[in-house]
């Protein structure tokens, strides 16, 4: 199977839609949450209650949560089309500190040896160690208690065919609020890459071009450089993956 068939699915589609969030930040607010049939919209019941999702439908963290849950289902169903029998196994879990996640795994398929498409929606008090690390990377954070919210989607797909690269991506939204209703900071992050076992330059060109088409020339150039710099092993002068975008 050509790599291009798989590379057109999860990462490229998500990058295109994430780019539209940046260009048209109001687009996610159009989701109709009231009386939503969760089983038809998502693969599991959301981590945030329906009442909160409805009441705060205009808030970016709620919009992003709904967005990644819809994307998760679309990705899983798109990947299942490559299999005659195997389906993703869905596991919804919760963390005591707040939030949880929905893990979807398909393994021992005819085309996909093992693949995961996972989301997490977590919140709580940001540990001091994490806050210190953020400050060391340039984030300006207060000294009061920092409450955080984070949600994201990630995927790693390992095809059986060694001529088809492994594909990985993760995209996330992170929010920090100082004290009780204080100043809020929020940002998106993530990236995508290929891991070829037998390098096919046409696959790599297709993957890069698809991401460039999805995000636009300016964003592609900026975020590709971030990704290139991240994946360089400086003492060996090589890249460990085929990096595409890092945001």
C-alpha atoms as a PDB file:
ATOM      1  CA  UNK A   1       0.000   0.000   0.000  1.00  0.00           C
ATOM      2  CA  UNK A   2       1.454   3.435  -0.886  1.00  0.00           C
ATOM      3  CA  UNK A   3       2.300   5.632   2.080  1.00  0.00           C
ATOM      4  CA  UNK A   4       0.249   8.413   0.546  1.00  0.00           C
ATOM      5  CA  UNK A   5      -3.001   6.562   1.263  1.00  0.00           C
ATOM      6  CA  UNK A   6      -2.307   6.558   4.983  1.00  0.00           C
ATOM      7  CA  UNK A   7      -0.655   9.963   5.135  1.00  0.00           C
ATOM      8  CA  UNK A   8      -3.774  11.592   3.720  1.00  0.00           C
ATOM      9  CA  UNK A   9      -5.729  10.505   6.775  1.00  0.00           C
ATOM     10  CA  UNK A  10      -5.046  11.572  10.358  1.00  0.00           C
ATOM     11  CA  UNK A  11      -2.228  14.089  10.525  1.00  0.00           C
ATOM     12  CA  UNK A  12      -2.851  16.023   7.334  1.00  0.00           C
ATOM     13  CA  UNK A  13      -6.596  16.312   7.904  1.00  0.00           C
ATOM     14  CA  UNK A  14      -6.100  17.470  11.490  1.00  0.00           C
ATOM     15  CA  UNK A  15      -3.440  20.005  10.515  1.00  0.00           C
ATOM     16  CA  UNK A  16      -5.799  21.496   7.974  1.00  0.00           C
ATOM     17  CA  UNK A  17      -8.565  21.843  10.525  1.00  0.00           C
ATOM     18  CA  UNK A  18      -6.248  23.181  13.217  1.00  0.00           C
ATOM     19  CA  UNK A  19      -5.023  25.788  10.745  1.00  0.00           C
ATOM     20  CA  UNK A  20      -8.611  26.877  10.257  1.00  0.00           C
ATOM     21  CA  UNK A  21      -8.929  27.334  14.027  1.00  0.00           C
ATOM     22  CA  UNK A  22      -6.056  29.809  13.941  1.00  0.00           C
ATOM     23  CA  UNK A  23      -7.489  31.645  10.932  1.00  0.00           C
ATOM     24  CA  UNK A  24     -11.139  31.553  12.008  1.00  0.00           C
ATOM     25  CA  UNK A  25     -11.192  31.113  15.771  1.00  0.00           C
ATOM     26  CA  UNK A  26     -14.983  31.360  15.918  1.00  0.00           C
ATOM     27  CA  UNK A  27     -15.570  28.296  13.747  1.00  0.00           C
ATOM     28  CA  UNK A  28     -15.608  25.799  16.597  1.00  0.00           C
ATOM     29  CA  UNK A  29     -18.387  27.686  18.306  1.00  0.00           C
ATOM     30  CA  UNK A  30     -20.828  26.458  15.691  1.00  0.00           C
ATOM     31  CA  UNK A  31     -21.021  22.950  17.144  1.00  0.00           C
ATOM     32  CA  UNK A  32     -24.516  22.149  18.393  1.00  0.00           C
ATOM     33  CA  UNK A  33     -24.083  20.611  21.833  1.00  0.00           C
ATOM     34  CA  UNK A  34     -27.639  20.697  23.156  1.00  0.00           C
ATOM     35  CA  UNK A  35     -29.408  17.317  22.976  1.00  0.00           C
ATOM     36  CA  UNK A  36     -26.332  15.823  21.373  1.00  0.00           C
ATOM     37  CA  UNK A  37     -26.393  12.072  20.750  1.00  0.00           C
ATOM     38  CA  UNK A  38     -22.957  11.293  22.154  1.00  0.00           C
ATOM     39  CA  UNK A  39     -22.765   7.820  20.653  1.00  0.00           C
ATOM     40  CA  UNK A  40     -23.202   9.189  17.158  1.00  0.00           C
ATOM     41  CA  UNK A  41     -20.892  12.199  17.611  1.00  0.00           C
ATOM     42  CA  UNK A  42     -18.102  10.624  19.666  1.00  0.00           C
ATOM     43  CA  UNK A  43     -16.653   7.227  20.533  1.00  0.00           C
ATOM     44  CA  UNK A  44     -17.423   7.612  24.250  1.00  0.00           C
ATOM     45  CA  UNK A  45     -19.143   9.931  26.692  1.00  0.00           C
ATOM     46  CA  UNK A  46     -17.116  13.193  27.030  1.00  0.00           C
ATOM     47  CA  UNK A  47     -14.973  13.751  30.103  1.00  0.00           C
ATOM     48  CA  UNK A  48     -16.717  17.075  30.712  1.00  0.00           C
ATOM     49  CA  UNK A  49     -20.422  16.905  31.509  1.00  0.00           C
ATOM     50  CA  UNK A  50     -22.993  17.834  28.884  1.00  0.00           C
ATOM     51  CA  UNK A  51     -24.275  20.646  31.098  1.00  0.00           C
ATOM     52  CA  UNK A  52     -20.831  22.290  31.249  1.00  0.00           C
ATOM     53  CA  UNK A  53     -20.176  21.792  27.533  1.00  0.00           C
ATOM     54  CA  UNK A  54     -23.485  23.461  26.755  1.00  0.00           C
ATOM     55  CA  UNK A  55     -23.129  26.303  29.270  1.00  0.00           C
ATOM     56  CA  UNK A  56     -19.564  27.124  28.168  1.00  0.00           C
ATOM     57  CA  UNK A  57     -19.907  26.319  24.462  1.00  0.00           C
ATOM     58  CA  UNK A  58     -18.119  29.539  23.467  1.00  0.00           C
ATOM     59  CA  UNK A  59     -15.056  28.867  25.639  1.00  0.00           C
ATOM     60  CA  UNK A  60     -12.009  27.691  23.679  1.00  0.00           C
ATOM     61  CA  UNK A  61     -11.292  24.785  26.012  1.00  0.00           C
ATOM     62  CA  UNK A  62     -14.800  23.418  25.514  1.00  0.00           C
ATOM     63  CA  UNK A  63     -14.647  23.998  21.771  1.00  0.00           C
ATOM     64  CA  UNK A  64     -11.319  22.193  21.577  1.00  0.00           C
ATOM     65  CA  UNK A  65     -12.601  19.261  23.640  1.00  0.00           C
ATOM     66  CA  UNK A  66     -15.586  18.769  21.358  1.00  0.00           C
ATOM     67  CA  UNK A  67     -13.347  19.218  18.323  1.00  0.00           C
ATOM     68  CA  UNK A  68     -10.808  16.539  19.245  1.00  0.00           C
ATOM     69  CA  UNK A  69     -13.530  14.065  20.220  1.00  0.00           C
ATOM     70  CA  UNK A  70     -15.157  14.429  16.818  1.00  0.00           C
ATOM     71  CA  UNK A  71     -11.775  14.163  15.095  1.00  0.00           C
ATOM     72  CA  UNK A  72     -10.944  11.031  17.100  1.00  0.00           C
ATOM     73  CA  UNK A  73     -14.020   9.248  15.818  1.00  0.00           C
ATOM     74  CA  UNK A  74     -13.413  10.375  12.231  1.00  0.00           C
ATOM     75  CA  UNK A  75      -9.784   9.210  12.329  1.00  0.00           C
ATOM     76  CA  UNK A  76     -10.607   5.830  13.802  1.00  0.00           C
ATOM     77  CA  UNK A  77     -13.321   5.178  11.257  1.00  0.00           C
ATOM     78  CA  UNK A  78     -11.044   6.284   8.403  1.00  0.00           C
ATOM     79  CA  UNK A  79      -8.309   3.903   9.557  1.00  0.00           C
ATOM     80  CA  UNK A  80     -10.769   1.049  10.046  1.00  0.00           C
ATOM     81  CA  UNK A  81     -11.579   1.253   6.332  1.00  0.00           C
ATOM     82  CA  UNK A  82      -8.178  -0.347   5.671  1.00  0.00           C
ATOM     83  CA  UNK A  83      -9.195  -3.411   7.714  1.00  0.00           C
ATOM     84  CA  UNK A  84     -11.744  -6.090   6.852  1.00  0.00           C
ATOM     85  CA  UNK A  85     -12.449  -7.148  10.443  1.00  0.00           C
ATOM     86  CA  UNK A  86     -10.416  -5.335  13.079  1.00  0.00           C
ATOM     87  CA  UNK A  87     -11.891  -2.345  14.898  1.00  0.00           C
ATOM     88  CA  UNK A  88     -10.553   0.099  17.486  1.00  0.00           C
ATOM     89  CA  UNK A  89     -11.078  -0.890  21.114  1.00  0.00           C
ATOM     90  CA  UNK A  90     -12.253   2.121  23.125  1.00  0.00           C
ATOM     91  CA  UNK A  91     -11.242   2.679  26.745  1.00  0.00           C
ATOM     92  CA  UNK A  92     -12.562   5.700  28.645  1.00  0.00           C
ATOM     93  CA  UNK A  93     -10.627   6.471  31.826  1.00  0.00           C
ATOM     94  CA  UNK A  94     -10.612   9.129  34.534  1.00  0.00           C
ATOM     95  CA  UNK A  95      -7.881  10.592  36.736  1.00  0.00           C
ATOM     96  CA  UNK A  96      -8.581  11.387  40.418  1.00  0.00           C
ATOM     97  CA  UNK A  97      -7.039  14.855  40.132  1.00  0.00           C
ATOM     98  CA  UNK A  98      -9.505  15.875  37.408  1.00  0.00           C
ATOM     99  CA  UNK A  99     -10.424  14.859  33.887  1.00  0.00           C
ATOM    100  CA  UNK A 100      -9.242  11.770  32.068  1.00  0.00           C
ATOM    101  CA  UNK A 101      -9.023  10.445  28.545  1.00  0.00           C
ATOM    102  CA  UNK A 102     -10.342   8.167  25.819  1.00  0.00           C
ATOM    103  CA  UNK A 103      -7.862   5.657  24.385  1.00  0.00           C
ATOM    104  CA  UNK A 104      -8.545   3.846  21.112  1.00  0.00           C
ATOM    105  CA  UNK A 105      -6.279   0.977  20.039  1.00  0.00           C
ATOM    106  CA  UNK A 106      -6.341  -1.285  16.988  1.00  0.00           C
ATOM    107  CA  UNK A 107      -3.841  -4.126  16.756  1.00  0.00           C
ATOM    108  CA  UNK A 108      -3.019  -7.222  14.719  1.00  0.00           C
ATOM    109  CA  UNK A 109      -4.842  -5.945  11.666  1.00  0.00           C
ATOM    110  CA  UNK A 110      -4.185  -6.850   8.048  1.00  0.00           C
ATOM    111  CA  UNK A 111      -2.771  -3.403   7.256  1.00  0.00           C
ATOM    112  CA  UNK A 112      -2.172  -1.828  10.679  1.00  0.00           C
ATOM    113  CA  UNK A 113       0.000  -3.841  13.046  1.00  0.00           C
ATOM    114  CA  UNK A 114      -0.837  -1.503  15.906  1.00  0.00           C
ATOM    115  CA  UNK A 115      -2.309   1.955  16.056  1.00  0.00           C
ATOM    116  CA  UNK A 116      -3.591   4.305  18.709  1.00  0.00           C
ATOM    117  CA  UNK A 117      -5.733   7.434  18.491  1.00  0.00           C
ATOM    118  CA  UNK A 118      -6.020   8.934  21.952  1.00  0.00           C
ATOM    119  CA  UNK A 119      -7.387  12.075  23.545  1.00  0.00           C
ATOM    120  CA  UNK A 120      -6.950  13.501  27.021  1.00  0.00           C
ATOM    121  CA  UNK A 121      -8.867  16.208  28.852  1.00  0.00           C
ATOM    122  CA  UNK A 122      -7.263  17.003  32.202  1.00  0.00           C
ATOM    123  CA  UNK A 123      -7.347  19.831  34.716  1.00  0.00           C
ATOM    124  CA  UNK A 124      -6.166  20.668  38.222  1.00  0.00           C
ATOM    125  CA  UNK A 125      -3.470  22.617  40.036  1.00  0.00           C
ATOM    126  CA  UNK A 126      -0.234  22.980  38.092  1.00  0.00           C
ATOM    127  CA  UNK A 127       2.669  21.392  40.026  1.00  0.00           C
ATOM    128  CA  UNK A 128       5.448  23.784  41.004  1.00  0.00           C
ATOM    129  CA  UNK A 129       7.965  21.740  39.028  1.00  0.00           C
ATOM    130  CA  UNK A 130       5.887  22.097  35.860  1.00  0.00           C
ATOM    131  CA  UNK A 131       5.483  25.837  36.438  1.00  0.00           C
ATOM    132  CA  UNK A 132       9.244  26.210  36.899  1.00  0.00           C
ATOM    133  CA  UNK A 133       9.883  24.361  33.653  1.00  0.00           C
ATOM    134  CA  UNK A 134       7.445  26.628  31.818  1.00  0.00           C
ATOM    135  CA  UNK A 135       9.176  29.712  33.215  1.00  0.00           C
ATOM    136  CA  UNK A 136      12.529  28.358  32.052  1.00  0.00           C
ATOM    137  CA  UNK A 137      11.078  28.211  28.547  1.00  0.00           C
ATOM    138  CA  UNK A 138       9.960  31.828  28.616  1.00  0.00           C
ATOM    139  CA  UNK A 139       6.421  31.683  30.028  1.00  0.00           C
ATOM    140  CA  UNK A 140       5.662  34.558  32.406  1.00  0.00           C
ATOM    141  CA  UNK A 141       3.657  33.045  35.248  1.00  0.00           C
ATOM    142  CA  UNK A 142       2.621  34.492  38.595  1.00  0.00           C
ATOM    143  CA  UNK A 143       3.606  33.039  41.947  1.00  0.00           C
ATOM    144  CA  UNK A 144       0.045  32.324  43.133  1.00  0.00           C
ATOM    145  CA  UNK A 145      -1.649  28.959  42.693  1.00  0.00           C
ATOM    146  CA  UNK A 146      -1.856  28.117  38.988  1.00  0.00           C
ATOM    147  CA  UNK A 147      -4.879  26.205  37.773  1.00  0.00           C
ATOM    148  CA  UNK A 148      -4.491  24.451  34.443  1.00  0.00           C
ATOM    149  CA  UNK A 149      -6.589  22.831  31.747  1.00  0.00           C
ATOM    150  CA  UNK A 150      -5.133  20.753  28.943  1.00  0.00           C
ATOM    151  CA  UNK A 151      -6.672  18.713  26.169  1.00  0.00           C
ATOM    152  CA  UNK A 152      -5.213  17.136  23.091  1.00  0.00           C
ATOM    153  CA  UNK A 153      -5.233  14.342  20.571  1.00  0.00           C
ATOM    154  CA  UNK A 154      -2.318  12.097  19.682  1.00  0.00           C
ATOM    155  CA  UNK A 155      -1.787   9.155  17.378  1.00  0.00           C
ATOM    156  CA  UNK A 156       0.877   6.651  16.397  1.00  0.00           C
ATOM    157  CA  UNK A 157       0.132   4.256  13.522  1.00  0.00           C
ATOM    158  CA  UNK A 158       2.441   1.290  12.828  1.00  0.00           C
ATOM    159  CA  UNK A 159       1.595  -0.387   9.476  1.00  0.00           C
ATOM    160  CA  UNK A 160       2.601  -3.995   8.841  1.00  0.00           C
ATOM    161  CA  UNK A 161       4.242  -3.165   5.524  1.00  0.00           C
ATOM    162  CA  UNK A 162       7.817  -1.965   6.239  1.00  0.00           C
ATOM    163  CA  UNK A 163       7.647   0.199   3.124  1.00  0.00           C
ATOM    164  CA  UNK A 164       4.933   2.308   4.774  1.00  0.00           C
ATOM    165  CA  UNK A 165       6.346   4.700   7.402  1.00  0.00           C
ATOM    166  CA  UNK A 166       5.070   4.949  10.927  1.00  0.00           C
ATOM    167  CA  UNK A 167       3.116   8.169  11.351  1.00  0.00           C
ATOM    168  CA  UNK A 168       2.878  10.180  14.542  1.00  0.00           C
ATOM    169  CA  UNK A 169       1.132  13.383  15.494  1.00  0.00           C
ATOM    170  CA  UNK A 170      -0.074  15.201  18.566  1.00  0.00           C
ATOM    171  CA  UNK A 171      -1.915  18.502  18.861  1.00  0.00           C
ATOM    172  CA  UNK A 172      -2.968  20.097  22.128  1.00  0.00           C
ATOM    173  CA  UNK A 173      -4.421  23.134  23.856  1.00  0.00           C
ATOM    174  CA  UNK A 174      -3.095  24.304  27.230  1.00  0.00           C
ATOM    175  CA  UNK A 175      -4.553  26.927  29.542  1.00  0.00           C
ATOM    176  CA  UNK A 176      -3.232  28.375  32.817  1.00  0.00           C
ATOM    177  CA  UNK A 177      -5.238  30.624  35.143  1.00  0.00           C
ATOM    178  CA  UNK A 178      -3.615  32.444  38.057  1.00  0.00           C
ATOM    179  CA  UNK A 179      -5.420  32.102  41.381  1.00  0.00           C
ATOM    180  CA  UNK A 180      -9.215  32.188  41.474  1.00  0.00           C
ATOM    181  CA  UNK A 181     -10.310  33.696  38.182  1.00  0.00           C
ATOM    182  CA  UNK A 182      -7.093  35.652  37.631  1.00  0.00           C
ATOM    183  CA  UNK A 183      -5.089  36.269  34.479  1.00  0.00           C
ATOM    184  CA  UNK A 184      -5.324  33.520  31.859  1.00  0.00           C
ATOM    185  CA  UNK A 185      -2.725  32.366  29.375  1.00  0.00           C
ATOM    186  CA  UNK A 186      -3.452  29.812  26.651  1.00  0.00           C
ATOM    187  CA  UNK A 187      -1.660  28.326  23.680  1.00  0.00           C
ATOM    188  CA  UNK A 188      -1.726  25.511  21.126  1.00  0.00           C
ATOM    189  CA  UNK A 189       1.145  23.085  20.556  1.00  0.00           C
ATOM    190  CA  UNK A 190       2.068  19.856  18.863  1.00  0.00           C
ATOM    191  CA  UNK A 191       3.641  18.408  15.763  1.00  0.00           C
ATOM    192  CA  UNK A 192       3.683  15.594  13.234  1.00  0.00           C
ATOM    193  CA  UNK A 193       6.343  13.375  11.680  1.00  0.00           C
ATOM    194  CA  UNK A 194       7.034  10.224   9.682  1.00  0.00           C
ATOM    195  CA  UNK A 195       9.413   7.395  10.593  1.00  0.00           C
ATOM    196  CA  UNK A 196      10.376   5.584   7.371  1.00  0.00           C
ATOM    197  CA  UNK A 197      12.042   2.178   7.455  1.00  0.00           C
ATOM    198  CA  UNK A 198      12.774   2.216   3.726  1.00  0.00           C
ATOM    199  CA  UNK A 199      12.966   5.808   2.560  1.00  0.00           C
ATOM    200  CA  UNK A 200      10.672   6.697  -0.340  1.00  0.00           C
ATOM    201  CA  UNK A 201      11.271  10.321  -1.260  1.00  0.00           C
ATOM    202  CA  UNK A 202       7.966  10.551  -3.113  1.00  0.00           C
ATOM    203  CA  UNK A 203       6.105   9.717   0.101  1.00  0.00           C
ATOM    204  CA  UNK A 204       8.043  12.398   1.965  1.00  0.00           C
ATOM    205  CA  UNK A 205       7.354  14.981  -0.729  1.00  0.00           C
ATOM    206  CA  UNK A 206       3.661  14.100  -0.682  1.00  0.00           C
ATOM    207  CA  UNK A 207       3.492  14.409   3.102  1.00  0.00           C
ATOM    208  CA  UNK A 208       5.241  17.780   3.145  1.00  0.00           C
ATOM    209  CA  UNK A 209       3.173  19.136   0.287  1.00  0.00           C
ATOM    210  CA  UNK A 210      -0.073  18.011   1.931  1.00  0.00           C
ATOM    211  CA  UNK A 211       0.831  19.835   5.150  1.00  0.00           C
ATOM    212  CA  UNK A 212       1.872  22.923   3.204  1.00  0.00           C
ATOM    213  CA  UNK A 213      -1.430  22.925   1.340  1.00  0.00           C
ATOM    214  CA  UNK A 214      -3.316  22.470   4.617  1.00  0.00           C
ATOM    215  CA  UNK A 215      -1.631  25.210   6.620  1.00  0.00           C
ATOM    216  CA  UNK A 216      -0.523  27.733   3.999  1.00  0.00           C
ATOM    217  CA  UNK A 217       3.021  28.686   2.894  1.00  0.00           C
ATOM    218  CA  UNK A 218       3.782  31.129   5.712  1.00  0.00           C
ATOM    219  CA  UNK A 219       2.726  28.873   8.590  1.00  0.00           C
ATOM    220  CA  UNK A 220       4.316  25.835   6.938  1.00  0.00           C
ATOM    221  CA  UNK A 221       7.704  27.570   6.582  1.00  0.00           C
ATOM    222  CA  UNK A 222       7.669  28.807  10.180  1.00  0.00           C
ATOM    223  CA  UNK A 223       6.589  25.582  11.847  1.00  0.00           C
ATOM    224  CA  UNK A 224       8.647  23.307   9.610  1.00  0.00           C
ATOM    225  CA  UNK A 225      11.788  25.108  10.783  1.00  0.00           C
ATOM    226  CA  UNK A 226      10.754  24.593  14.412  1.00  0.00           C
ATOM    227  CA  UNK A 227      10.304  20.908  13.690  1.00  0.00           C
ATOM    228  CA  UNK A 228      13.583  20.599  11.764  1.00  0.00           C
ATOM    229  CA  UNK A 229      15.487  22.179  14.641  1.00  0.00           C
ATOM    230  CA  UNK A 230      13.782  19.924  17.195  1.00  0.00           C
ATOM    231  CA  UNK A 231      14.624  16.662  15.436  1.00  0.00           C
ATOM    232  CA  UNK A 232      18.262  17.349  14.555  1.00  0.00           C
ATOM    233  CA  UNK A 233      20.850  15.236  16.385  1.00  0.00           C
ATOM    234  CA  UNK A 234      23.521  17.928  16.387  1.00  0.00           C
ATOM    235  CA  UNK A 235      26.568  15.774  17.237  1.00  0.00           C
ATOM    236  CA  UNK A 236      25.713  13.365  14.403  1.00  0.00           C
ATOM    237  CA  UNK A 237      24.344  15.923  11.968  1.00  0.00           C
ATOM    238  CA  UNK A 238      21.233  13.888  11.152  1.00  0.00           C
ATOM    239  CA  UNK A 239      17.478  13.996  11.663  1.00  0.00           C
ATOM    240  CA  UNK A 240      15.907  11.120  13.536  1.00  0.00           C
ATOM    241  CA  UNK A 241      12.552  11.349  11.713  1.00  0.00           C
ATOM    242  CA  UNK A 242      11.062  13.007   8.671  1.00  0.00           C
ATOM    243  CA  UNK A 243       9.813  16.083  10.552  1.00  0.00           C
ATOM    244  CA  UNK A 244       7.014  18.144   9.092  1.00  0.00           C
ATOM    245  CA  UNK A 245       5.443  20.595  11.538  1.00  0.00           C
ATOM    246  CA  UNK A 246       5.933  21.637  15.141  1.00  0.00           C
ATOM    247  CA  UNK A 247       3.766  24.346  16.695  1.00  0.00           C
END
